Amino acid sequence: MSHITLSNVGQSPFEKLIGHAPEILHHWSQLEEAFFRSNTFDQNFLEQIRRALAFDNLCQYCMAKAGRPDENLHDARLSAALRFANLFALDHKTINENNINQLRQYFSDAEISELISFCSFISASQRFGAVLGLKAGAEYA
């Protein structure tokens, strides 16, 4: 189980960990919903990014939830975004103007901003879970 007890606030084990601070959970959930409601990237695109980040951020809960990103991707935009997400999760301090310029081949500045915002939010979520020892959801049934 996780390193702290689950609260009674939230639906999933992840939410129940943040649920110890209900106001934070409320706004955290709103931000997640905003990403998945955005018209910038479709839900599958974001899910592939989330799945890639899970393995780099070592979130057991997220890794078990859906597995690794799909293989044999034929979408150049998604492939570029996945390469960036891996770099972001493994060593964001090395990201430089060249990395951003590589993204510009496929994305507008607004899309780059949203992509990096999403990577930041998901990494924060996954690192929160990893630090608190969040396990696969089935372990909490």
C-alpha atoms as a PDB file:
ATOM      1  CA  MET A   1       0.000   0.000   0.000  1.00  0.00           C
ATOM      2  CA  SER A   2       0.972   3.633  -0.110  1.00  0.00           C
ATOM      3  CA  HIS A   3       3.195   5.300   2.487  1.00  0.00           C
ATOM      4  CA  ILE A   4       0.271   7.266   3.970  1.00  0.00           C
ATOM      5  CA  THR A   5      -3.325   6.217   4.431  1.00  0.00           C
ATOM      6  CA  LEU A   6      -5.863   7.018   1.768  1.00  0.00           C
ATOM      7  CA  SER A   7      -8.323   9.747   2.674  1.00  0.00           C
ATOM      8  CA  ASN A   8     -12.088   9.408   2.273  1.00  0.00           C
ATOM      9  CA  VAL A   9     -12.083  12.175  -0.367  1.00  0.00           C
ATOM     10  CA  GLY A  10     -11.757  11.250  -4.051  1.00  0.00           C
ATOM     11  CA  GLN A  11     -12.616   8.317  -6.269  1.00  0.00           C
ATOM     12  CA  SER A  12      -9.305   6.691  -7.194  1.00  0.00           C
ATOM     13  CA  PRO A  13      -6.415   5.804  -4.870  1.00  0.00           C
ATOM     14  CA  PHE A  14      -4.457   8.699  -6.432  1.00  0.00           C
ATOM     15  CA  GLU A  15      -7.273  11.154  -5.696  1.00  0.00           C
ATOM     16  CA  LYS A  16      -7.602   9.797  -2.162  1.00  0.00           C
ATOM     17  CA  LEU A  17      -3.952  10.628  -1.499  1.00  0.00           C
ATOM     18  CA  ILE A  18      -4.424  14.207  -2.653  1.00  0.00           C
ATOM     19  CA  GLY A  19      -7.825  14.125  -0.937  1.00  0.00           C
ATOM     20  CA  HIS A  20      -6.118  14.845   2.374  1.00  0.00           C
ATOM     21  CA  ALA A  21      -6.163  18.414   0.964  1.00  0.00           C
ATOM     22  CA  PRO A  22      -9.671  18.562  -0.590  1.00  0.00           C
ATOM     23  CA  GLU A  23      -9.281  22.063  -2.025  1.00  0.00           C
ATOM     24  CA  ILE A  24      -6.062  21.053  -3.776  1.00  0.00           C
ATOM     25  CA  LEU A  25      -7.730  17.906  -5.125  1.00  0.00           C
ATOM     26  CA  HIS A  26     -10.600  19.999  -6.479  1.00  0.00           C
ATOM     27  CA  HIS A  27      -8.313  22.330  -8.432  1.00  0.00           C
ATOM     28  CA  TRP A  28      -5.961  19.509  -9.452  1.00  0.00           C
ATOM     29  CA  SER A  29      -8.910  17.658 -10.971  1.00  0.00           C
ATOM     30  CA  GLN A  30     -10.111  20.797 -12.726  1.00  0.00           C
ATOM     31  CA  LEU A  31      -6.710  21.278 -14.348  1.00  0.00           C
ATOM     32  CA  GLU A  32      -6.609  17.659 -15.493  1.00  0.00           C
ATOM     33  CA  GLU A  33     -10.082  18.036 -16.993  1.00  0.00           C
ATOM     34  CA  ALA A  34      -9.005  21.238 -18.772  1.00  0.00           C
ATOM     35  CA  PHE A  35      -6.148  19.398 -20.506  1.00  0.00           C
ATOM     36  CA  PHE A  36      -8.392  16.575 -21.676  1.00  0.00           C
ATOM     37  CA  ARG A  37     -11.150  18.971 -22.816  1.00  0.00           C
ATOM     38  CA  SER A  38      -8.733  21.156 -24.769  1.00  0.00           C
ATOM     39  CA  ASN A  39      -9.059  21.099 -28.538  1.00  0.00           C
ATOM     40  CA  THR A  40      -5.293  21.357 -28.996  1.00  0.00           C
ATOM     41  CA  PHE A  41      -4.521  17.636 -28.683  1.00  0.00           C
ATOM     42  CA  ASP A  42      -6.946  14.732 -28.775  1.00  0.00           C
ATOM     43  CA  GLN A  43      -7.366  12.419 -25.801  1.00  0.00           C
ATOM     44  CA  ASN A  44      -5.384   9.556 -27.358  1.00  0.00           C
ATOM     45  CA  PHE A  45      -2.440  11.893 -28.036  1.00  0.00           C
ATOM     46  CA  LEU A  46      -2.423  13.009 -24.396  1.00  0.00           C
ATOM     47  CA  GLU A  47      -2.860   9.455 -23.144  1.00  0.00           C
ATOM     48  CA  GLN A  48       0.208   8.323 -25.103  1.00  0.00           C
ATOM     49  CA  ILE A  49       2.222  11.141 -23.520  1.00  0.00           C
ATOM     50  CA  ARG A  50       0.888  10.249 -20.056  1.00  0.00           C
ATOM     51  CA  ARG A  51       1.843   6.611 -20.550  1.00  0.00           C
ATOM     52  CA  ALA A  52       5.370   7.485 -21.695  1.00  0.00           C
ATOM     53  CA  LEU A  53       5.903   9.789 -18.734  1.00  0.00           C
ATOM     54  CA  ALA A  54       4.671   7.124 -16.292  1.00  0.00           C
ATOM     55  CA  PHE A  55       7.609   4.848 -17.051  1.00  0.00           C
ATOM     56  CA  ASP A  56      10.128   7.669 -16.825  1.00  0.00           C
ATOM     57  CA  ASN A  57       8.619   9.008 -13.588  1.00  0.00           C
ATOM     58  CA  LEU A  58       8.317   5.468 -12.151  1.00  0.00           C
ATOM     59  CA  CYS A  59       4.685   5.803 -11.109  1.00  0.00           C
ATOM     60  CA  GLN A  60       3.577   2.211 -10.431  1.00  0.00           C
ATOM     61  CA  TYR A  61      -0.086   3.244 -10.421  1.00  0.00           C
ATOM     62  CA  CYS A  62       0.134   4.874 -13.862  1.00  0.00           C
ATOM     63  CA  MET A  63       2.341   2.173 -15.366  1.00  0.00           C
ATOM     64  CA  ALA A  64      -0.170  -0.500 -14.394  1.00  0.00           C
ATOM     65  CA  LYS A  65      -3.164   1.571 -15.479  1.00  0.00           C
ATOM     66  CA  ALA A  66      -2.544   1.393 -19.229  1.00  0.00           C
ATOM     67  CA  GLY A  67       0.976   0.156 -19.922  1.00  0.00           C
ATOM     68  CA  ARG A  68       3.559   1.630 -22.247  1.00  0.00           C
ATOM     69  CA  PRO A  69       2.690   3.948 -25.126  1.00  0.00           C
ATOM     70  CA  ASP A  70       1.607   2.313 -28.378  1.00  0.00           C
ATOM     71  CA  GLU A  71       4.453   1.121 -30.584  1.00  0.00           C
ATOM     72  CA  ASN A  72       4.914   1.572 -34.322  1.00  0.00           C
ATOM     73  CA  LEU A  73       3.467   5.034 -34.294  1.00  0.00           C
ATOM     74  CA  HIS A  74       3.047   6.537 -37.740  1.00  0.00           C
ATOM     75  CA  ASP A  75       2.163   9.994 -36.479  1.00  0.00           C
ATOM     76  CA  ALA A  76       5.245  12.214 -36.742  1.00  0.00           C
ATOM     77  CA  ARG A  77       3.764  14.808 -34.354  1.00  0.00           C
ATOM     78  CA  LEU A  78       3.095  12.225 -31.676  1.00  0.00           C
ATOM     79  CA  SER A  79       6.524  10.655 -32.144  1.00  0.00           C
ATOM     80  CA  ALA A  80       8.163  14.070 -31.697  1.00  0.00           C
ATOM     81  CA  ALA A  81       6.030  14.745 -28.618  1.00  0.00           C
ATOM     82  CA  LEU A  82       6.937  11.364 -27.108  1.00  0.00           C
ATOM     83  CA  ARG A  83      10.656  11.969 -27.654  1.00  0.00           C
ATOM     84  CA  PHE A  84      10.298  15.334 -25.952  1.00  0.00           C
ATOM     85  CA  ALA A  85       8.248  13.865 -23.073  1.00  0.00           C
ATOM     86  CA  ASN A  86      10.940  11.267 -22.416  1.00  0.00           C
ATOM     87  CA  LEU A  87      13.630  13.946 -22.366  1.00  0.00           C
ATOM     88  CA  PHE A  88      11.449  16.125 -20.135  1.00  0.00           C
ATOM     89  CA  ALA A  89      10.907  13.355 -17.588  1.00  0.00           C
ATOM     90  CA  LEU A  90      14.464  12.049 -17.563  1.00  0.00           C
ATOM     91  CA  ASP A  91      16.369  15.338 -17.423  1.00  0.00           C
ATOM     92  CA  HIS A  92      14.405  18.521 -18.007  1.00  0.00           C
ATOM     93  CA  LYS A  93      17.495  20.557 -17.121  1.00  0.00           C
ATOM     94  CA  THR A  94      19.138  19.593 -20.408  1.00  0.00           C
ATOM     95  CA  ILE A  95      16.291  20.904 -22.556  1.00  0.00           C
ATOM     96  CA  ASN A  96      17.508  23.817 -24.621  1.00  0.00           C
ATOM     97  CA  GLU A  97      16.521  25.971 -27.566  1.00  0.00           C
ATOM     98  CA  ASN A  98      17.493  23.214 -30.013  1.00  0.00           C
ATOM     99  CA  ASN A  99      14.984  20.851 -28.417  1.00  0.00           C
ATOM    100  CA  ILE A 100      12.267  23.487 -28.667  1.00  0.00           C
ATOM    101  CA  ASN A 101      13.211  24.180 -32.290  1.00  0.00           C
ATOM    102  CA  GLN A 102      12.801  20.465 -33.022  1.00  0.00           C
ATOM    103  CA  LEU A 103       9.263  20.710 -31.659  1.00  0.00           C
ATOM    104  CA  ARG A 104       8.633  23.750 -33.890  1.00  0.00           C
ATOM    105  CA  GLN A 105       8.878  21.451 -36.900  1.00  0.00           C
ATOM    106  CA  TYR A 106       5.550  19.969 -35.828  1.00  0.00           C
ATOM    107  CA  PHE A 107       3.922  22.372 -33.372  1.00  0.00           C
ATOM    108  CA  SER A 108       3.024  26.032 -33.032  1.00  0.00           C
ATOM    109  CA  ASP A 109       4.268  28.026 -30.050  1.00  0.00           C
ATOM    110  CA  ALA A 110       0.828  27.698 -28.448  1.00  0.00           C
ATOM    111  CA  GLU A 111       0.915  23.917 -28.906  1.00  0.00           C
ATOM    112  CA  ILE A 112       4.454  23.730 -27.488  1.00  0.00           C
ATOM    113  CA  SER A 113       3.331  25.688 -24.452  1.00  0.00           C
ATOM    114  CA  GLU A 114       0.389  23.360 -23.870  1.00  0.00           C
ATOM    115  CA  LEU A 115       2.498  20.242 -24.457  1.00  0.00           C
ATOM    116  CA  ILE A 116       5.084  21.345 -21.897  1.00  0.00           C
ATOM    117  CA  SER A 117       2.313  22.352 -19.474  1.00  0.00           C
ATOM    118  CA  PHE A 118       0.800  18.888 -19.835  1.00  0.00           C
ATOM    119  CA  CYS A 119       4.173  17.170 -19.349  1.00  0.00           C
ATOM    120  CA  SER A 120       4.728  19.293 -16.224  1.00  0.00           C
ATOM    121  CA  PHE A 121       1.302  18.537 -14.758  1.00  0.00           C
ATOM    122  CA  ILE A 122       1.436  14.816 -15.472  1.00  0.00           C
ATOM    123  CA  SER A 123       5.004  14.543 -14.168  1.00  0.00           C
ATOM    124  CA  ALA A 124       3.972  16.315 -10.972  1.00  0.00           C
ATOM    125  CA  SER A 125       1.057  13.902 -10.571  1.00  0.00           C
ATOM    126  CA  GLN A 126       3.171  10.849 -11.241  1.00  0.00           C
ATOM    127  CA  ARG A 127       6.009  11.949  -9.002  1.00  0.00           C
ATOM    128  CA  PHE A 128       3.495  12.662  -6.232  1.00  0.00           C
ATOM    129  CA  GLY A 129       2.238   9.086  -6.574  1.00  0.00           C
ATOM    130  CA  ALA A 130       5.734   7.618  -6.792  1.00  0.00           C
ATOM    131  CA  VAL A 131       6.984   9.495  -3.713  1.00  0.00           C
ATOM    132  CA  LEU A 132       3.996   8.280  -1.701  1.00  0.00           C
ATOM    133  CA  GLY A 133       4.398   4.688  -2.881  1.00  0.00           C
ATOM    134  CA  LEU A 134       1.140   4.573  -4.830  1.00  0.00           C
ATOM    135  CA  LYS A 135       0.701   1.042  -6.176  1.00  0.00           C
ATOM    136  CA  ALA A 136      -1.403  -0.358  -8.989  1.00  0.00           C
ATOM    137  CA  GLY A 137      -5.103   0.369  -8.459  1.00  0.00           C
ATOM    138  CA  ALA A 138      -5.931  -3.349  -8.105  1.00  0.00           C
ATOM    139  CA  GLU A 139      -3.919  -3.462  -4.880  1.00  0.00           C
ATOM    140  CA  TYR A 140      -6.455  -1.137  -3.253  1.00  0.00           C
ATOM    141  CA  ALA A 141      -9.564  -3.149  -4.154  1.00  0.00           C
END
